[in-house]
Amino acid sequence: MNDRIKLAKRTIKGYDIIDIIGDISSEGSKEIVKYMKKAITGKDKDVYVNLEGVRHMNSSALSVIVQMVRDLATKKINIFFMNVNEKIMTLIKVAGLHNFFKFMADEAALLDKIEKMDKEANNA
């Protein structure tokens, strides 16, 4: 697993999405934390991490990501994971973290959520 992971930030309707491509090892997870500290400005309260391009994550990487989510939560920033594959979800469940993390199925679900919030705001 010498391949470096690829990280990119994009915004959809005002919501930041961090795209991750590549398998996440312990070293890769540290790279993710470093990237997210720079990419997350703090003005956004919800940040979405797209794992569609991630096939594998090891338990060491998971523990680093848990700490990052905790650190961001103290700043009132919520991290939502999208497009989590079955293998990674099994690791999360085995570690007992399925209730710790927040999930969004995919971008379509995010767009639906945004649309509903917009409608509620317009009806208020």
N, C-alpha and C. Protein backbone atom coordinates (compact mmCIF):
# COMPACT_ATOMS: atom_id res chain seq x y z
N MET A 1 0.83 -1.19 0.00
CA MET A 1 0.00 0.00 0.00
C MET A 1 0.87 1.25 0.00
N ASN A 2 1.64 1.37 -1.02
CA ASN A 2 2.54 2.51 -1.12
C ASN A 2 1.89 3.67 -1.86
N ASP A 3 0.75 3.41 -2.48
CA ASP A 3 0.06 4.46 -3.23
C ASP A 3 -0.47 5.51 -2.27
N ARG A 4 -0.24 6.75 -2.63
CA ARG A 4 -0.76 7.84 -1.80
C ARG A 4 -2.24 8.03 -2.07
N ILE A 5 -2.93 8.45 -1.04
CA ILE A 5 -4.35 8.75 -1.22
C ILE A 5 -4.49 10.13 -1.88
N LYS A 6 -5.59 10.31 -2.55
CA LYS A 6 -5.88 11.60 -3.19
C LYS A 6 -7.02 12.25 -2.43
N LEU A 7 -6.85 13.53 -2.15
CA LEU A 7 -7.84 14.29 -1.40
C LEU A 7 -8.22 15.54 -2.18
N ALA A 8 -9.50 15.84 -2.19
CA ALA A 8 -9.98 17.05 -2.88
C ALA A 8 -11.19 17.58 -2.13
N LYS A 9 -11.33 18.89 -2.16
CA LYS A 9 -12.49 19.53 -1.52
C LYS A 9 -13.32 20.20 -2.60
N ARG A 10 -14.63 20.02 -2.50
CA ARG A 10 -15.55 20.71 -3.39
C ARG A 10 -16.75 21.14 -2.57
N THR A 11 -17.55 22.01 -3.14
CA THR A 11 -18.71 22.53 -2.44
C THR A 11 -19.95 22.34 -3.31
N ILE A 12 -21.02 21.83 -2.68
CA ILE A 12 -22.31 21.71 -3.35
C ILE A 12 -23.33 22.47 -2.53
N LYS A 13 -23.91 23.50 -3.15
CA LYS A 13 -24.94 24.31 -2.49
C LYS A 13 -24.51 24.75 -1.09
N GLY A 14 -23.25 25.15 -0.96
CA GLY A 14 -22.75 25.68 0.30
C GLY A 14 -22.23 24.64 1.28
N TYR A 15 -22.27 23.36 0.92
CA TYR A 15 -21.79 22.31 1.81
C TYR A 15 -20.48 21.75 1.29
N ASP A 16 -19.49 21.67 2.17
CA ASP A 16 -18.19 21.13 1.79
C ASP A 16 -18.22 19.62 1.73
N ILE A 17 -17.62 19.08 0.68
CA ILE A 17 -17.46 17.64 0.53
C ILE A 17 -15.98 17.38 0.33
N ILE A 18 -15.44 16.49 1.13
CA ILE A 18 -14.05 16.06 0.99
C ILE A 18 -14.08 14.70 0.30
N ASP A 19 -13.51 14.62 -0.89
CA ASP A 19 -13.44 13.35 -1.62
C ASP A 19 -12.11 12.68 -1.30
N ILE A 20 -12.19 11.40 -0.95
CA ILE A 20 -10.99 10.62 -0.67
C ILE A 20 -10.94 9.47 -1.67
N ILE A 21 -9.78 9.30 -2.30
CA ILE A 21 -9.59 8.20 -3.24
C ILE A 21 -8.33 7.44 -2.84
N GLY A 22 -8.48 6.14 -2.65
CA GLY A 22 -7.35 5.29 -2.29
C GLY A 22 -7.61 4.59 -0.97
N ASP A 23 -6.87 3.54 -0.72
CA ASP A 23 -7.00 2.80 0.53
C ASP A 23 -6.38 3.60 1.67
N ILE A 24 -7.03 3.55 2.83
CA ILE A 24 -6.59 4.37 3.95
C ILE A 24 -5.86 3.51 4.98
N SER A 25 -4.56 3.77 5.10
CA SER A 25 -3.72 3.13 6.11
C SER A 25 -3.55 4.12 7.26
N SER A 26 -2.77 3.74 8.24
CA SER A 26 -2.51 4.65 9.36
C SER A 26 -1.86 5.94 8.86
N GLU A 27 -0.88 5.80 7.97
CA GLU A 27 -0.19 6.97 7.42
C GLU A 27 -1.15 7.83 6.61
N GLY A 28 -2.00 7.19 5.82
CA GLY A 28 -2.98 7.90 5.02
C GLY A 28 -3.98 8.65 5.87
N SER A 29 -4.35 8.07 7.01
CA SER A 29 -5.31 8.74 7.88
C SER A 29 -4.72 10.01 8.47
N LYS A 30 -3.42 10.00 8.74
CA LYS A 30 -2.76 11.21 9.25
C LYS A 30 -2.75 12.29 8.17
N GLU A 31 -2.60 11.86 6.93
CA GLU A 31 -2.64 12.79 5.80
C GLU A 31 -4.04 13.42 5.69
N ILE A 32 -5.07 12.59 5.90
CA ILE A 32 -6.45 13.07 5.86
C ILE A 32 -6.68 14.12 6.95
N VAL A 33 -6.23 13.83 8.16
CA VAL A 33 -6.40 14.77 9.29
C VAL A 33 -5.71 16.09 8.97
N LYS A 34 -4.50 16.03 8.47
CA LYS A 34 -3.75 17.24 8.12
C LYS A 34 -4.49 18.04 7.04
N TYR A 35 -4.99 17.35 6.02
CA TYR A 35 -5.72 18.00 4.94
C TYR A 35 -7.00 18.65 5.46
N MET A 36 -7.74 17.91 6.27
CA MET A 36 -9.02 18.42 6.76
C MET A 36 -8.84 19.61 7.69
N LYS A 37 -7.77 19.64 8.46
CA LYS A 37 -7.52 20.80 9.32
C LYS A 37 -7.35 22.06 8.49
N LYS A 38 -6.75 21.92 7.31
CA LYS A 38 -6.57 23.08 6.42
C LYS A 38 -7.86 23.38 5.65
N ALA A 39 -8.56 22.33 5.23
CA ALA A 39 -9.72 22.51 4.34
C ALA A 39 -10.97 22.98 5.07
N ILE A 40 -11.11 22.61 6.33
CA ILE A 40 -12.31 22.97 7.08
C ILE A 40 -12.08 24.31 7.76
N THR A 41 -12.84 25.28 7.34
CA THR A 41 -12.63 26.65 7.82
C THR A 41 -13.29 26.93 9.16
N GLY A 42 -14.31 26.14 9.50
CA GLY A 42 -15.01 26.39 10.75
C GLY A 42 -16.31 27.13 10.56
N LYS A 43 -16.48 27.76 9.39
CA LYS A 43 -17.75 28.46 9.12
C LYS A 43 -18.85 27.45 8.82
N ASP A 44 -18.46 26.27 8.34
CA ASP A 44 -19.44 25.22 8.06
C ASP A 44 -19.58 24.32 9.27
N LYS A 45 -20.81 23.98 9.58
CA LYS A 45 -21.05 23.11 10.73
C LYS A 45 -21.16 21.65 10.33
N ASP A 46 -21.47 21.39 9.05
CA ASP A 46 -21.55 20.03 8.54
C ASP A 46 -20.57 19.87 7.39
N VAL A 47 -19.73 18.86 7.48
CA VAL A 47 -18.78 18.55 6.42
C VAL A 47 -19.00 17.10 6.03
N TYR A 48 -19.00 16.83 4.75
CA TYR A 48 -19.29 15.49 4.24
C TYR A 48 -18.01 14.89 3.66
N VAL A 49 -17.71 13.67 4.07
CA VAL A 49 -16.52 12.97 3.60
C VAL A 49 -16.99 11.84 2.69
N ASN A 50 -16.63 11.94 1.42
CA ASN A 50 -17.05 10.97 0.42
C ASN A 50 -16.02 9.84 0.33
N LEU A 51 -16.42 8.64 0.74
CA LEU A 51 -15.52 7.49 0.73
C LEU A 51 -15.76 6.58 -0.48
N GLU A 52 -16.42 7.10 -1.51
CA GLU A 52 -16.73 6.28 -2.68
C GLU A 52 -15.47 5.68 -3.31
N GLY A 53 -14.37 6.39 -3.27
CA GLY A 53 -13.12 5.91 -3.87
C GLY A 53 -12.23 5.15 -2.93
N VAL A 54 -12.76 4.75 -1.77
CA VAL A 54 -11.96 4.03 -0.77
C VAL A 54 -12.46 2.59 -0.68
N ARG A 55 -11.58 1.65 -0.97
CA ARG A 55 -11.95 0.23 -0.90
C ARG A 55 -11.64 -0.36 0.46
N HIS A 56 -10.59 0.14 1.12
CA HIS A 56 -10.12 -0.47 2.36
C HIS A 56 -9.64 0.59 3.35
N MET A 57 -9.88 0.33 4.62
CA MET A 57 -9.36 1.16 5.70
C MET A 57 -8.97 0.20 6.82
N ASN A 58 -7.78 0.40 7.41
CA ASN A 58 -7.40 -0.50 8.50
C ASN A 58 -7.81 0.09 9.85
N SER A 59 -7.72 -0.74 10.89
CA SER A 59 -8.20 -0.32 12.21
C SER A 59 -7.37 0.82 12.80
N SER A 60 -6.09 0.88 12.48
CA SER A 60 -5.26 2.00 12.96
C SER A 60 -5.74 3.31 12.36
N ALA A 61 -6.07 3.27 11.08
CA ALA A 61 -6.59 4.47 10.40
C ALA A 61 -7.92 4.88 11.01
N LEU A 62 -8.75 3.89 11.31
CA LEU A 62 -10.05 4.18 11.91
C LEU A 62 -9.89 4.90 13.24
N SER A 63 -8.93 4.48 14.05
CA SER A 63 -8.75 5.14 15.36
C SER A 63 -8.29 6.58 15.20
N VAL A 64 -7.46 6.87 14.20
CA VAL A 64 -7.02 8.25 13.94
C VAL A 64 -8.22 9.09 13.49
N ILE A 65 -9.07 8.52 12.66
CA ILE A 65 -10.25 9.24 12.17
C ILE A 65 -11.24 9.49 13.31
N VAL A 66 -11.38 8.54 14.22
CA VAL A 66 -12.24 8.74 15.40
C VAL A 66 -11.77 9.96 16.17
N GLN A 67 -10.47 10.07 16.40
CA GLN A 67 -9.94 11.22 17.14
C GLN A 67 -10.19 12.52 16.40
N MET A 68 -10.05 12.51 15.07
CA MET A 68 -10.31 13.71 14.28
C MET A 68 -11.77 14.13 14.41
N VAL A 69 -12.69 13.16 14.33
CA VAL A 69 -14.11 13.48 14.46
C VAL A 69 -14.39 14.07 15.85
N ARG A 70 -13.78 13.50 16.88
CA ARG A 70 -13.94 14.03 18.25
C ARG A 70 -13.42 15.47 18.34
N ASP A 71 -12.23 15.71 17.79
CA ASP A 71 -11.64 17.05 17.83
C ASP A 71 -12.53 18.07 17.12
N LEU A 72 -13.05 17.69 15.96
CA LEU A 72 -13.91 18.61 15.22
C LEU A 72 -15.24 18.82 15.94
N ALA A 73 -15.74 17.80 16.61
CA ALA A 73 -17.00 17.92 17.36
C ALA A 73 -16.87 18.97 18.46
N THR A 74 -15.68 19.10 19.06
CA THR A 74 -15.49 20.12 20.10
C THR A 74 -15.59 21.53 19.51
N LYS A 75 -15.39 21.64 18.20
CA LYS A 75 -15.53 22.92 17.50
C LYS A 75 -16.92 23.04 16.87
N LYS A 76 -17.83 22.14 17.27
CA LYS A 76 -19.21 22.12 16.77
C LYS A 76 -19.30 21.85 15.26
N ILE A 77 -18.35 21.06 14.76
CA ILE A 77 -18.35 20.67 13.35
C ILE A 77 -18.72 19.19 13.28
N ASN A 78 -19.77 18.88 12.51
CA ASN A 78 -20.23 17.51 12.33
C ASN A 78 -19.63 16.93 11.05
N ILE A 79 -19.12 15.72 11.16
CA ILE A 79 -18.59 15.02 10.00
C ILE A 79 -19.57 13.91 9.64
N PHE A 80 -19.97 13.90 8.37
CA PHE A 80 -20.84 12.85 7.85
C PHE A 80 -20.05 12.07 6.80
N PHE A 81 -20.11 10.75 6.89
CA PHE A 81 -19.43 9.90 5.91
C PHE A 81 -20.44 9.42 4.88
N MET A 82 -20.08 9.54 3.60
CA MET A 82 -20.96 9.13 2.50
C MET A 82 -20.31 8.00 1.72
N ASN A 83 -21.15 7.20 1.08
CA ASN A 83 -20.68 6.14 0.18
C ASN A 83 -19.70 5.19 0.87
N VAL A 84 -20.05 4.76 2.07
CA VAL A 84 -19.19 3.84 2.83
C VAL A 84 -19.47 2.42 2.33
N ASN A 85 -18.42 1.74 1.87
CA ASN A 85 -18.64 0.39 1.34
C ASN A 85 -18.85 -0.62 2.48
N GLU A 86 -19.29 -1.80 2.09
CA GLU A 86 -19.64 -2.84 3.07
C GLU A 86 -18.45 -3.26 3.93
N LYS A 87 -17.28 -3.35 3.33
CA LYS A 87 -16.07 -3.77 4.06
C LYS A 87 -15.72 -2.77 5.17
N ILE A 88 -15.77 -1.50 4.83
CA ILE A 88 -15.45 -0.46 5.82
C ILE A 88 -16.55 -0.38 6.87
N MET A 89 -17.80 -0.52 6.44
CA MET A 89 -18.91 -0.48 7.39
C MET A 89 -18.81 -1.65 8.38
N THR A 90 -18.38 -2.81 7.91
CA THR A 90 -18.18 -3.96 8.81
C THR A 90 -17.11 -3.64 9.85
N LEU A 91 -16.00 -3.03 9.42
CA LEU A 91 -14.94 -2.63 10.36
C LEU A 91 -15.50 -1.66 11.40
N ILE A 92 -16.29 -0.70 10.96
CA ILE A 92 -16.89 0.29 11.87
C ILE A 92 -17.81 -0.40 12.87
N LYS A 93 -18.61 -1.36 12.40
CA LYS A 93 -19.53 -2.07 13.29
C LYS A 93 -18.79 -2.97 14.27
N VAL A 94 -17.76 -3.68 13.80
CA VAL A 94 -16.97 -4.55 14.67
C VAL A 94 -16.29 -3.73 15.77
N ALA A 95 -15.87 -2.51 15.42
CA ALA A 95 -15.23 -1.62 16.40
C ALA A 95 -16.26 -0.96 17.32
N GLY A 96 -17.55 -1.20 17.05
CA GLY A 96 -18.60 -0.62 17.88
C GLY A 96 -18.80 0.87 17.66
N LEU A 97 -18.47 1.34 16.47
CA LEU A 97 -18.52 2.78 16.20
C LEU A 97 -19.66 3.20 15.29
N HIS A 98 -20.56 2.28 14.95
CA HIS A 98 -21.64 2.61 14.02
C HIS A 98 -22.59 3.66 14.59
N ASN A 99 -22.67 3.79 15.90
CA ASN A 99 -23.50 4.85 16.49
C ASN A 99 -22.70 6.12 16.77
N PHE A 100 -21.38 6.03 16.71
CA PHE A 100 -20.51 7.19 16.93
C PHE A 100 -20.46 8.06 15.69
N PHE A 101 -20.28 7.43 14.54
CA PHE A 101 -20.18 8.17 13.28
C PHE A 101 -21.55 8.56 12.76
N LYS A 102 -21.57 9.63 11.95
CA LYS A 102 -22.79 10.06 11.27
C LYS A 102 -22.63 9.71 9.79
N PHE A 103 -23.72 9.24 9.20
CA PHE A 103 -23.65 8.80 7.82
C PHE A 103 -24.71 9.49 6.96
N MET A 104 -24.36 9.67 5.70
CA MET A 104 -25.28 10.14 4.67
C MET A 104 -25.08 9.14 3.54
N ALA A 105 -26.15 8.60 3.02
CA ALA A 105 -26.02 7.53 2.02
C ALA A 105 -25.12 7.93 0.85
N ASP A 106 -25.45 9.06 0.22
CA ASP A 106 -24.69 9.49 -0.96
C ASP A 106 -25.06 10.95 -1.27
N GLU A 107 -24.54 11.46 -2.39
CA GLU A 107 -24.80 12.86 -2.74
C GLU A 107 -26.28 13.13 -3.02
N ALA A 108 -26.97 12.16 -3.58
CA ALA A 108 -28.40 12.34 -3.84
C ALA A 108 -29.15 12.57 -2.54
N ALA A 109 -28.79 11.82 -1.50
CA ALA A 109 -29.42 11.98 -0.18
C ALA A 109 -29.07 13.35 0.40
N LEU A 110 -27.86 13.80 0.19
CA LEU A 110 -27.45 15.14 0.67
C LEU A 110 -28.26 16.21 -0.04
N LEU A 111 -28.41 16.09 -1.35
CA LEU A 111 -29.19 17.08 -2.10
C LEU A 111 -30.65 17.09 -1.66
N ASP A 112 -31.20 15.90 -1.37
CA ASP A 112 -32.57 15.82 -0.84
C ASP A 112 -32.68 16.54 0.49
N LYS A 113 -31.69 16.33 1.35
CA LYS A 113 -31.68 16.98 2.67
C LYS A 113 -31.63 18.51 2.51
N ILE A 114 -30.78 18.99 1.62
CA ILE A 114 -30.65 20.42 1.39
C ILE A 114 -31.97 20.99 0.86
N GLU A 115 -32.57 20.28 -0.08
CA GLU A 115 -33.84 20.72 -0.66
C GLU A 115 -34.93 20.82 0.41
N LYS A 116 -35.02 19.82 1.28
CA LYS A 116 -36.01 19.85 2.36
C LYS A 116 -35.77 21.01 3.32
N MET A 117 -34.48 21.27 3.65
CA MET A 117 -34.16 22.38 4.55
C MET A 117 -34.51 23.71 3.89
N ASP A 118 -34.27 23.83 2.59
CA ASP A 118 -34.61 25.06 1.86
C ASP A 118 -36.12 25.28 1.87
N LYS A 119 -36.90 24.22 1.64
CA LYS A 119 -38.36 24.33 1.65
C LYS A 119 -38.87 24.75 3.02
N GLU A 120 -38.30 24.13 4.08
CA GLU A 120 -38.71 24.48 5.44
C GLU A 120 -38.37 25.93 5.75
N ALA A 121 -37.22 26.39 5.30
CA ALA A 121 -36.81 27.77 5.54
C ALA A 121 -37.73 28.74 4.79
N ASN A 122 -38.16 28.37 3.60
CA ASN A 122 -39.03 29.24 2.81
C ASN A 122 -40.45 29.25 3.35
N ASN A 123 -40.86 28.18 4.03
CA ASN A 123 -42.20 28.10 4.59
C ASN A 123 -42.28 28.71 6.00
N ALA A 124 -41.14 29.01 6.57
CA ALA A 124 -41.12 29.54 7.94
C ALA A 124 -41.48 31.01 7.98
